[in-house]
Amino acid sequence: MSKVDIRVLRNLSDSKKRVMTNVMQHLEQRHEKKSSKRWQYGVLTMVLSVCIGLFIYHQYKDAQQQASMIPPVLDEQMLELALQSDAKMNGKNRLYRYSFDSFLMVESAFVYAQSQGLAPTQSQVAKKLEEVMDSFHYGALTLSERLSMLQMSEEAFIESYAKPIAYKAATGDLLWDATKADYPNTSDQVRMWFVEQEAMRYLEQHYHREIAFLREKYKIPEKENQMIYIRSGMVVALKEYEFLVVSGAFTGDLTKLSADEIVQKHTNGTWFPLVNVPKALSVGDRVEVQYSEAIGGDGSRPFLDFKDNIGIKIVEDYQ
């Protein structure tokens, strides 16, 4: 029989009770702490949900506001505005071909820029709106005359006409800036000419029916007689997208002078887009280039101009 002091057993029984009591108290305290943390997490989750909801709401609201600013493509109101000026100038209710082409140019840049994912900010549109409103104070009709003919207030005119024009112009500006990387080492005028051609092809491809309808409604001829000019000279510079022709230049200039110096010496020079040219075209060739109109000016370099290029031929000599 084991010799165990009964008092020791009694003490162990008391210890067991104390251990059980401590365990129960620990579990109760941990439950209280967890409950407290769950409450804190619940509040935090609710706050985050509210913040996310407000953020989504404001994003949606901003998107709606931005969408409401976007004017329609080929908005006929713009043609009616051009018709006001043309009718005063020609004395008839007739739209000039030039005005219609200018309208298409603006629309093409606008829709082509949209296809590239370009959209102006509100501040960019607001800045362009100031320029647009200033332009309406000049020209064939003053702003007051336009308001009188339209029978609307200046505020209504801004909403219906000036803001859509400003939005499209600001979008076009983004397109011109975005294409700089596509035409490196190219003059701004020639680069813009190329971009205009791309934009016009895009517009005609996607809106040819709408354009045909407007041409018929406003009796715009498909083609018109153009004055064709010829520039004779020597090719003194040739780049990826353009070439420079100087009248009066000769072979000796190329060995002694830079292209800029040749332009200064002969007080003339014309940059043409590098299209419709013979594959063998090179610096030093004597050429005759047919063109119809200027594609921009350069006030800082008065001896240079920019023309389109209808056709070109290499000649042995020119008059």
Protein backbone atom coordinates (compact mmCIF):
# COMPACT_ATOMS: atom_id res chain seq x y z
CA MET A 1 0.00 0.00 0.00
CA SER A 2 1.40 3.38 -1.01
CA LYS A 3 2.32 5.72 1.65
CA VAL A 4 0.71 8.89 0.42
CA ASP A 5 -0.20 11.64 2.78
CA ILE A 6 -3.92 12.27 2.45
CA ARG A 7 -3.30 15.96 3.01
CA VAL A 8 -1.25 16.11 -0.11
CA LEU A 9 -4.12 14.66 -2.11
CA ARG A 10 -6.45 17.21 -0.62
CA ASN A 11 -4.01 19.97 -1.61
CA LEU A 12 -3.89 18.61 -5.16
CA SER A 13 -7.64 18.70 -5.38
CA ASP A 14 -7.61 22.35 -4.39
CA SER A 15 -4.95 23.08 -6.99
CA LYS A 16 -7.08 21.46 -9.66
CA LYS A 17 -9.96 23.74 -8.81
CA ARG A 18 -7.71 26.78 -8.99
CA VAL A 19 -6.38 25.70 -12.38
CA MET A 20 -9.91 25.21 -13.75
CA THR A 21 -10.95 28.60 -12.40
CA ASN A 22 -7.96 30.31 -14.04
CA VAL A 23 -8.63 28.59 -17.35
CA MET A 24 -12.26 29.69 -17.33
CA GLN A 25 -11.30 33.27 -16.52
CA HIS A 26 -8.72 33.28 -19.33
CA LEU A 27 -11.26 32.00 -21.85
CA GLU A 28 -13.81 34.60 -20.78
CA GLN A 29 -11.25 37.42 -21.08
CA ARG A 30 -10.15 36.21 -24.54
CA HIS A 31 -13.76 36.05 -25.68
CA GLU A 32 -14.28 39.65 -24.52
CA LYS A 33 -11.13 40.80 -26.41
CA LYS A 34 -12.21 39.01 -29.58
CA SER A 35 -15.68 40.49 -29.35
CA SER A 36 -14.14 43.94 -28.95
CA LYS A 37 -11.90 43.41 -32.01
CA ARG A 38 -14.83 42.12 -34.07
CA TRP A 39 -16.71 45.31 -33.28
CA GLN A 40 -13.74 47.45 -34.36
CA TYR A 41 -13.32 45.47 -37.57
CA GLY A 42 -17.02 45.89 -38.34
CA VAL A 43 -16.83 49.67 -37.99
CA LEU A 44 -13.69 49.80 -40.15
CA THR A 45 -15.35 47.67 -42.84
CA MET A 46 -18.39 49.92 -42.84
CA VAL A 47 -16.25 53.08 -43.19
CA LEU A 48 -14.26 51.55 -46.04
CA SER A 49 -17.46 50.50 -47.80
CA VAL A 50 -18.83 54.04 -47.57
CA CYS A 51 -15.58 55.52 -48.90
CA ILE A 52 -15.49 53.09 -51.82
CA GLY A 53 -19.13 53.83 -52.58
CA LEU A 54 -18.50 57.59 -52.60
CA PHE A 55 -15.45 57.15 -54.81
CA ILE A 56 -17.40 55.05 -57.33
CA TYR A 57 -20.26 57.56 -57.26
CA HIS A 58 -17.96 60.50 -57.97
CA GLN A 59 -16.19 58.55 -60.72
CA TYR A 60 -19.54 57.74 -62.30
CA LYS A 61 -20.71 61.32 -61.92
CA ASP A 62 -17.49 62.66 -63.49
CA ALA A 63 -17.80 60.15 -66.34
CA GLN A 64 -21.39 61.25 -66.97
CA GLN A 65 -20.38 64.90 -66.91
CA GLN A 66 -17.49 64.22 -69.29
CA ALA A 67 -19.76 62.25 -71.64
CA SER A 68 -22.29 65.08 -71.68
CA MET A 69 -19.55 67.43 -72.89
CA ILE A 70 -18.68 65.35 -75.96
CA PRO A 71 -20.38 66.86 -79.04
CA PRO A 72 -21.69 64.68 -81.88
CA VAL A 73 -19.68 63.98 -85.02
CA LEU A 74 -20.66 65.94 -88.15
CA ASP A 75 -22.90 68.26 -86.16
CA GLU A 76 -25.00 70.07 -88.75
CA GLN A 77 -25.33 73.10 -86.46
CA MET A 78 -21.73 73.92 -87.26
CA LEU A 79 -22.52 74.00 -90.97
CA GLU A 80 -25.46 76.31 -90.34
CA LEU A 81 -23.10 78.61 -88.50
CA ALA A 82 -20.71 78.66 -91.47
CA LEU A 83 -23.63 79.26 -93.80
CA GLN A 84 -24.42 82.50 -91.97
CA SER A 85 -21.04 83.98 -92.90
CA ASP A 86 -20.97 82.61 -96.45
CA ALA A 87 -24.49 83.83 -97.21
CA LYS A 88 -23.54 87.33 -96.15
CA MET A 89 -20.44 87.26 -98.37
CA ASN A 90 -22.01 85.81 -101.52
CA GLY A 91 -25.47 87.30 -101.10
CA LYS A 92 -27.05 83.88 -101.48
CA ASN A 93 -28.11 81.10 -99.16
CA ARG A 94 -25.12 79.03 -100.30
CA LEU A 95 -22.25 77.37 -98.52
CA TYR A 96 -18.78 77.70 -100.01
CA ARG A 97 -16.84 74.55 -100.81
CA TYR A 98 -13.96 75.91 -98.70
CA SER A 99 -16.23 76.20 -95.63
CA PHE A 100 -17.48 72.65 -96.08
CA ASP A 101 -13.93 71.31 -96.44
CA SER A 102 -12.87 73.22 -93.31
CA PHE A 103 -15.81 71.71 -91.47
CA LEU A 104 -14.75 68.20 -92.53
CA MET A 105 -11.17 68.88 -91.49
CA VAL A 106 -12.23 69.79 -87.94
CA GLU A 107 -14.60 66.82 -87.74
CA SER A 108 -11.99 64.39 -89.06
CA ALA A 109 -9.36 65.49 -86.53
CA PHE A 110 -11.95 65.20 -83.77
CA VAL A 111 -13.18 61.71 -84.59
CA TYR A 112 -9.69 60.41 -85.45
CA ALA A 113 -8.36 61.67 -82.12
CA GLN A 114 -11.24 59.90 -80.37
CA SER A 115 -10.28 56.67 -82.09
CA GLN A 116 -6.82 57.09 -80.57
CA GLY A 117 -8.31 57.42 -77.08
CA LEU A 118 -7.57 61.14 -76.82
CA ALA A 119 -9.90 63.36 -74.80
CA PRO A 120 -9.27 66.89 -73.49
CA THR A 121 -9.61 67.90 -69.86
CA GLN A 122 -12.15 70.47 -68.72
CA SER A 123 -9.39 73.04 -68.24
CA GLN A 124 -8.12 72.47 -71.79
CA VAL A 125 -11.63 72.95 -73.17
CA ALA A 126 -12.14 76.08 -71.05
CA LYS A 127 -8.91 77.58 -72.35
CA LYS A 128 -9.87 76.81 -75.95
CA LEU A 129 -13.34 78.28 -75.33
CA GLU A 130 -11.78 81.67 -74.64
CA GLU A 131 -9.97 81.53 -77.98
CA VAL A 132 -13.15 80.49 -79.79
CA MET A 133 -15.19 83.32 -78.30
CA ASP A 134 -12.48 85.83 -79.23
CA SER A 135 -12.57 84.60 -82.83
CA PHE A 136 -16.30 85.29 -83.11
CA HIS A 137 -15.68 89.00 -82.69
CA TYR A 138 -13.97 89.06 -86.09
CA GLY A 139 -14.81 87.88 -89.58
CA ALA A 140 -17.78 88.40 -91.84
CA LEU A 141 -20.20 88.46 -88.91
CA THR A 142 -19.71 89.85 -85.44
CA LEU A 143 -20.93 87.95 -82.42
CA SER A 144 -23.78 90.43 -81.96
CA GLU A 145 -24.92 89.89 -85.55
CA ARG A 146 -24.84 86.13 -85.10
CA LEU A 147 -26.86 86.32 -81.88
CA SER A 148 -29.42 88.52 -83.62
CA MET A 149 -29.75 86.10 -86.56
CA LEU A 150 -30.02 83.09 -84.26
CA GLN A 151 -32.32 84.94 -81.86
CA MET A 152 -30.51 83.62 -78.81
CA SER A 153 -28.57 84.96 -75.86
CA GLU A 154 -24.80 84.81 -75.61
CA GLU A 155 -25.10 82.16 -72.88
CA ALA A 156 -27.24 79.97 -75.13
CA PHE A 157 -24.84 80.52 -78.03
CA ILE A 158 -21.93 79.40 -75.88
CA GLU A 159 -23.72 76.18 -74.88
CA SER A 160 -25.01 75.33 -78.37
CA TYR A 161 -22.08 76.43 -80.55
CA ALA A 162 -18.98 77.72 -78.80
CA LYS A 163 -18.50 74.85 -76.34
CA PRO A 164 -18.82 72.07 -78.97
CA ILE A 165 -16.37 73.92 -81.21
CA ALA A 166 -13.96 74.41 -78.31
CA TYR A 167 -14.16 70.74 -77.36
CA LYS A 168 -13.39 69.59 -80.89
CA ALA A 169 -10.58 72.11 -81.29
CA ALA A 170 -9.02 71.04 -77.99
CA THR A 171 -9.27 67.40 -79.10
CA GLY A 172 -7.57 68.27 -82.37
CA ASP A 173 -4.73 69.95 -80.47
CA LEU A 174 -4.14 66.70 -78.58
CA LEU A 175 -3.91 64.86 -81.89
CA TRP A 176 -1.30 67.25 -83.27
CA ASP A 177 0.80 66.86 -80.14
CA ALA A 178 0.42 63.07 -80.03
CA THR A 179 1.67 62.64 -83.61
CA LYS A 180 5.01 64.35 -83.07
CA ALA A 181 6.62 61.04 -82.19
CA ASP A 182 5.22 59.44 -85.36
CA TYR A 183 6.90 61.99 -87.63
CA PRO A 184 10.33 62.68 -86.14
CA ASN A 185 12.59 65.27 -87.72
CA THR A 186 9.67 66.62 -89.79
CA SER A 187 8.45 70.21 -90.02
CA ASP A 188 5.20 70.91 -88.18
CA GLN A 189 3.38 71.98 -91.35
CA VAL A 190 4.21 68.83 -93.30
CA ARG A 191 3.52 66.62 -90.27
CA MET A 192 0.10 68.20 -89.85
CA TRP A 193 -0.59 67.69 -93.55
CA PHE A 194 0.08 63.96 -93.20
CA VAL A 195 -2.07 63.72 -90.07
CA GLU A 196 -4.90 65.58 -91.80
CA GLN A 197 -4.79 63.07 -94.64
CA GLU A 198 -4.94 60.16 -92.19
CA ALA A 199 -7.80 61.75 -90.27
CA MET A 200 -9.78 62.49 -93.42
CA ARG A 201 -9.40 58.91 -94.64
CA TYR A 202 -10.68 57.70 -91.27
CA LEU A 203 -13.69 60.04 -91.40
CA GLU A 204 -14.62 59.06 -94.94
CA GLN A 205 -14.25 55.38 -94.13
CA HIS A 206 -16.59 55.50 -91.12
CA TYR A 207 -18.97 58.33 -92.06
CA HIS A 208 -19.17 58.24 -95.85
CA ARG A 209 -22.98 58.07 -95.87
CA GLU A 210 -23.36 61.05 -93.55
CA ILE A 211 -20.87 63.08 -95.62
CA ALA A 212 -22.70 62.22 -98.84
CA PHE A 213 -25.99 63.34 -97.27
CA LEU A 214 -24.53 66.70 -96.23
CA ARG A 215 -22.91 67.23 -99.63
CA GLU A 216 -26.23 66.72 -101.32
CA LYS A 217 -28.21 68.82 -98.86
CA TYR A 218 -25.86 71.80 -99.12
CA LYS A 219 -25.20 71.24 -102.83
CA ILE A 220 -21.44 70.84 -102.39
CA PRO A 221 -19.69 69.59 -105.56
CA GLU A 222 -17.56 66.47 -105.18
CA LYS A 223 -14.72 68.17 -107.00
CA GLU A 224 -13.93 71.67 -108.04
CA ASN A 225 -11.47 73.22 -110.43
CA GLN A 226 -8.17 73.89 -108.73
CA MET A 227 -5.43 76.23 -109.73
CA ILE A 228 -2.35 74.13 -110.41
CA TYR A 229 1.06 75.69 -109.88
CA ILE A 230 4.55 74.44 -110.72
CA ARG A 231 7.69 74.95 -108.66
CA SER A 232 10.95 74.29 -110.53
CA GLY A 233 14.20 73.92 -108.66
CA MET A 234 16.75 71.61 -107.14
CA VAL A 235 16.20 69.15 -104.33
CA VAL A 236 18.59 70.34 -101.63
CA ALA A 237 17.29 68.27 -98.70
CA LEU A 238 15.52 64.91 -98.48
CA LYS A 239 14.05 63.48 -95.29
CA GLU A 240 11.79 60.57 -94.42
CA TYR A 241 8.57 62.52 -94.93
CA GLU A 242 9.48 65.67 -96.86
CA PHE A 243 11.85 67.19 -99.38
CA LEU A 244 13.06 70.74 -99.94
CA VAL A 245 13.18 72.43 -103.33
CA VAL A 246 15.07 75.69 -103.94
CA SER A 247 14.67 77.59 -107.21
CA GLY A 248 17.94 78.88 -108.69
CA ALA A 249 20.15 76.47 -106.75
CA PHE A 250 22.89 74.64 -108.59
CA THR A 251 25.21 71.71 -107.93
CA GLY A 252 28.04 73.87 -106.63
CA ASP A 253 25.81 75.06 -103.76
CA LEU A 254 25.47 71.53 -102.45
CA THR A 255 29.20 71.06 -102.01
CA LYS A 256 29.77 74.36 -100.19
CA LEU A 257 26.59 75.26 -98.32
CA SER A 258 24.08 73.68 -95.97
CA ALA A 259 20.41 73.48 -96.94
CA ASP A 260 19.59 76.49 -94.73
CA GLU A 261 22.40 78.49 -96.29
CA ILE A 262 21.17 77.64 -99.79
CA VAL A 263 17.69 78.87 -98.83
CA GLN A 264 19.17 82.11 -97.51
CA LYS A 265 21.33 82.59 -100.57
CA HIS A 266 18.50 82.18 -103.08
CA THR A 267 15.80 83.68 -100.78
CA ASN A 268 13.35 80.86 -101.42
CA GLY A 269 12.65 77.28 -100.46
CA THR A 270 9.60 75.04 -100.46
CA TRP A 271 9.04 71.93 -98.37
CA PHE A 272 6.80 69.32 -99.98
CA PRO A 273 5.37 66.12 -98.45
CA LEU A 274 7.25 63.10 -99.70
CA VAL A 275 4.34 61.53 -101.63
CA ASN A 276 3.83 60.69 -105.29
CA VAL A 277 7.56 60.96 -105.94
CA PRO A 278 9.87 58.81 -108.08
CA LYS A 279 11.72 56.16 -106.09
CA ALA A 280 14.99 57.43 -107.51
CA LEU A 281 14.50 60.98 -106.16
CA SER A 282 17.66 62.23 -104.47
CA VAL A 283 19.40 65.40 -103.38
CA GLY A 284 20.73 67.29 -106.40
CA ASP A 285 17.90 66.31 -108.74
CA ARG A 286 16.32 69.06 -110.80
CA VAL A 287 12.57 68.76 -110.51
CA GLU A 288 9.23 70.28 -111.41
CA VAL A 289 6.63 69.90 -108.67
CA GLN A 290 2.93 70.47 -109.20
CA TYR A 291 0.97 71.78 -106.21
CA SER A 292 -2.38 73.42 -105.57
CA GLU A 293 -2.21 75.21 -102.25
CA ALA A 294 -0.10 76.13 -99.27
CA ILE A 295 -0.24 73.90 -96.20
CA GLY A 296 1.03 76.42 -93.69
CA GLY A 297 3.38 79.30 -93.18
CA ASP A 298 6.53 79.89 -91.18
CA GLY A 299 6.80 83.43 -89.92
CA SER A 300 10.20 82.89 -88.35
CA ARG A 301 11.78 81.86 -91.66
CA PRO A 302 10.32 84.14 -94.34
CA PHE A 303 12.13 82.46 -97.25
CA LEU A 304 10.45 79.10 -96.62
CA ASP A 305 6.94 78.02 -97.52
CA PHE A 306 5.04 74.73 -97.48
CA LYS A 307 2.95 73.28 -100.28
CA ASP A 308 1.07 70.11 -101.00
CA ASN A 309 2.34 67.79 -103.69
CA ILE A 310 0.13 66.73 -106.59
CA GLY A 311 2.85 65.43 -108.84
CA ILE A 312 6.57 65.66 -109.49
CA LYS A 313 8.95 64.83 -112.32
CA ILE A 314 12.72 64.82 -112.54
CA VAL A 315 14.02 66.92 -115.44
CA GLU A 316 17.39 67.34 -117.10
CA ASP A 317 17.08 71.09 -116.87
CA TYR A 318 14.43 73.64 -116.04
CA GLN A 319 13.71 77.12 -117.14
